[in-house]
Protein backbone atom coordinates (compact mmCIF):
# COMPACT_ATOMS: atom_id res chain seq x y z
CA MET A 1 32.98 -4.76 4.83
CA VAL A 2 30.69 -6.66 7.22
CA LYS A 3 33.09 -8.41 9.85
CA ASN A 4 32.73 -9.81 13.79
CA ILE A 5 29.17 -10.53 13.08
CA LEU A 6 27.87 -12.43 16.07
CA ILE A 7 26.18 -15.57 15.27
CA PRO A 8 24.23 -17.56 17.67
CA ASP A 9 26.38 -20.94 18.86
CA THR A 10 23.26 -23.06 17.60
CA VAL A 11 25.05 -21.78 14.30
CA PRO A 12 28.00 -23.85 12.99
CA LYS A 13 30.94 -22.15 12.20
CA THR A 14 32.88 -24.85 10.82
CA VAL A 15 32.18 -27.79 8.62
CA HIS A 16 33.87 -31.03 7.83
CA PRO A 17 35.98 -31.51 4.94
CA LEU A 18 33.75 -34.49 3.88
CA PHE A 19 30.47 -32.38 4.07
CA ARG A 20 32.25 -29.48 2.16
CA GLN A 21 31.86 -31.72 -0.83
CA ARG A 22 28.19 -32.29 -0.42
CA LEU A 23 26.01 -30.01 -2.70
CA CYS A 24 22.99 -30.02 -0.61
CA TYR A 25 24.84 -30.05 2.53
CA SER A 26 26.73 -27.10 1.83
CA ILE A 27 23.63 -25.00 0.18
CA SER A 28 21.68 -25.99 3.40
CA LYS A 29 24.21 -24.70 5.73
CA SER A 30 25.13 -21.92 3.81
CA GLY A 31 21.38 -21.23 3.72
CA THR A 32 21.45 -21.59 8.15
CA ILE A 33 24.56 -19.24 8.42
CA LEU A 34 23.49 -16.52 6.10
CA ARG A 35 19.81 -16.48 7.44
CA SER A 36 21.54 -16.01 11.28
CA ILE A 37 23.62 -13.23 9.78
CA LEU A 38 20.42 -11.31 8.25
CA GLU A 39 18.27 -11.64 11.05
CA ILE A 40 20.95 -10.19 13.26
CA THR A 41 21.37 -7.54 10.90
CA LEU A 42 17.34 -6.80 10.41
CA ALA A 43 17.07 -7.18 14.27
CA LYS A 44 19.14 -3.82 14.65
CA HIS A 45 16.28 -2.46 12.73
CA LYS A 46 13.74 -3.93 14.59
CA LEU A 47 12.71 -6.06 11.72
CA SER A 48 11.98 -9.51 10.81
CA ALA A 49 12.79 -11.70 7.65
CA PRO A 50 9.40 -11.59 6.25
CA GLN A 51 8.83 -7.71 7.57
CA SER A 52 12.20 -6.86 4.83
CA GLY A 53 10.63 -8.82 2.73
CA ILE A 54 7.48 -6.86 2.48
CA LEU A 55 9.40 -3.79 2.51
CA HIS A 56 11.34 -4.75 -0.35
CA ILE A 57 8.81 -6.03 -2.57
CA LEU A 58 6.47 -2.95 -1.88
CA ALA A 59 10.03 -1.03 -2.88
CA GLY A 60 10.17 -2.96 -5.99
CA VAL A 61 6.70 -2.84 -7.23
CA GLY A 62 4.44 -0.27 -5.31
CA ASP A 63 1.55 -0.30 -3.08
CA TYR A 64 -0.11 -3.77 -2.94
CA ASN A 65 -2.92 -5.84 -1.59
CA GLN A 66 -1.92 -7.22 1.97
CA LEU A 67 -3.91 -10.57 1.20
CA GLN A 68 -2.40 -10.78 -2.26
CA LEU A 69 1.29 -10.82 -0.89
CA GLY A 70 0.89 -12.55 2.11
CA GLN A 71 -0.36 -15.25 -0.26
CA GLU A 72 2.55 -14.69 -2.70
CA MET A 73 4.87 -14.72 0.64
CA ASN A 74 3.43 -17.88 1.73
CA ILE A 75 2.89 -15.74 4.67
CA ASP A 76 -0.80 -16.74 6.92
CA LYS A 77 -3.06 -14.58 7.74
CA ALA A 78 -2.73 -13.55 11.63
CA SER A 79 1.30 -13.69 10.71
CA MET A 80 0.85 -11.16 7.82
CA VAL A 81 -1.37 -9.03 10.15
CA LYS A 82 1.27 -9.14 13.26
CA PHE A 83 4.05 -8.16 10.58
CA ILE A 84 2.10 -5.20 8.81
CA ASP A 85 1.00 -3.85 12.17
CA GLY A 86 4.75 -3.66 13.22
CA LEU A 87 5.79 -2.17 10.07
CA GLU A 88 2.90 0.23 10.53
CA GLU A 89 4.04 1.35 14.36
CA GLN A 90 7.26 2.01 12.96
CA GLY A 91 5.79 4.25 10.17
CA LEU A 92 7.04 1.96 7.41
CA VAL A 93 4.13 1.35 5.64
CA GLN A 94 0.75 2.54 5.54
CA ARG A 95 -2.68 0.51 5.52
CA LYS A 96 -5.21 2.01 3.17
CA THR A 97 -8.71 0.72 2.32
CA ASP A 98 -8.97 -0.65 -1.12
CA PRO A 99 -11.54 1.74 -3.34
CA ASN A 100 -12.97 -1.01 -5.38
CA ASP A 101 -13.34 -3.79 -2.19
CA ARG A 102 -13.62 -1.81 1.16
CA ARG A 103 -12.87 -5.44 3.30
CA ALA A 104 -9.51 -5.54 1.37
CA LYS A 105 -6.31 -3.50 2.40
CA ILE A 106 -3.61 -1.61 0.24
CA LEU A 107 0.14 -1.68 1.75
CA THR A 108 2.05 1.18 0.61
CA LEU A 109 5.61 2.29 1.56
CA THR A 110 6.34 5.40 3.33
CA THR A 111 9.19 7.52 3.00
CA LYS A 112 10.74 6.19 5.96
CA GLY A 113 10.02 2.83 4.69
CA ARG A 114 11.58 3.56 1.34
CA THR A 115 14.68 5.09 3.24
CA LEU A 116 14.94 2.13 5.52
CA GLN A 117 14.75 -0.52 2.79
CA LYS A 118 17.38 1.56 0.73
CA LYS A 119 19.80 0.91 3.48
CA ILE A 120 18.75 -2.69 4.41
CA LEU A 121 19.56 -3.26 0.70
CA GLU A 122 22.84 -1.45 1.07
CA GLN A 123 23.87 -3.65 3.70
CA HIS A 124 22.98 -6.48 1.90
CA LYS A 125 25.08 -5.63 -0.70
CA LYS A 126 28.09 -5.11 1.74
CA LEU A 127 27.93 -8.19 2.99
CA GLU A 128 27.34 -10.32 -0.48
CA ALA A 129 30.62 -8.59 -1.54
CA SER A 130 32.29 -9.59 1.75
CA ILE A 131 31.44 -12.80 1.14
CA LEU A 132 32.28 -12.84 -2.38
CA LYS A 133 35.36 -10.86 -2.19
CA ASP A 134 37.41 -13.87 -3.11
CA PHE A 135 35.66 -15.08 -5.99
CA ASN A 136 36.44 -13.79 -9.47
CA LYS A 137 34.15 -11.87 -11.86
CA GLN A 138 33.23 -14.85 -13.80
CA GLU A 139 32.40 -16.92 -10.75
CA VAL A 140 30.02 -14.59 -8.97
CA GLU A 141 28.57 -14.44 -12.44
CA ALA A 142 28.18 -17.99 -12.64
CA LEU A 143 26.70 -18.04 -9.18
CA ARG A 144 23.87 -15.09 -9.80
CA GLU A 145 22.82 -17.54 -12.72
CA LEU A 146 23.17 -20.66 -10.75
CA MET A 147 21.69 -19.82 -8.04
CA PRO A 148 18.20 -18.73 -8.90
CA ARG A 149 18.31 -22.20 -11.26
CA VAL A 150 18.72 -24.36 -7.81
CA LEU A 151 16.35 -22.32 -6.13
CA GLU A 152 14.06 -23.12 -8.83
CA ALA A 153 14.69 -26.75 -9.17
CA ILE A 154 14.32 -27.03 -5.05
CA LEU A 155 10.79 -25.89 -5.45
CA ASN A 156 9.59 -27.93 -8.53
CA HIS A 157 10.78 -30.88 -6.18
CA VAL A 158 8.83 -29.71 -3.39
CA ASN A 159 6.00 -28.77 -5.43
CA ASP A 160 6.06 -32.51 -7.28
């Protein structure tokens, strides 16, 4: 399993018992700590979290318009170009001109990119299993059902 991951000193490794009872705090701190773990894991592959997200989306849906993907991931154009440049330099994605619009670029996952995406996905699954090892099957299923709903509720709240 995933153990002995170095967490930056800025990330709390303990939480006061009073805060453990507060749902918003628990969700927030869980996300902060998990993001730090994932960033450390991704850095070993010379990737950022958004770059990993790009690989996962391309693996899941296939070729994608660069501008549309940036909009859907809420990444500004300049940052998206930097992320794609990095992925392209590593041979993980290819940019092609859209045959229907010569100004647009279509992103394609390379074989190397697909291999790395699968490796990262396996690492994420091992991390998830390690984190949830003390949960029973019903608790894990409940989390899988509830967490997307919590995320959706938060998004609805900020978009109202």
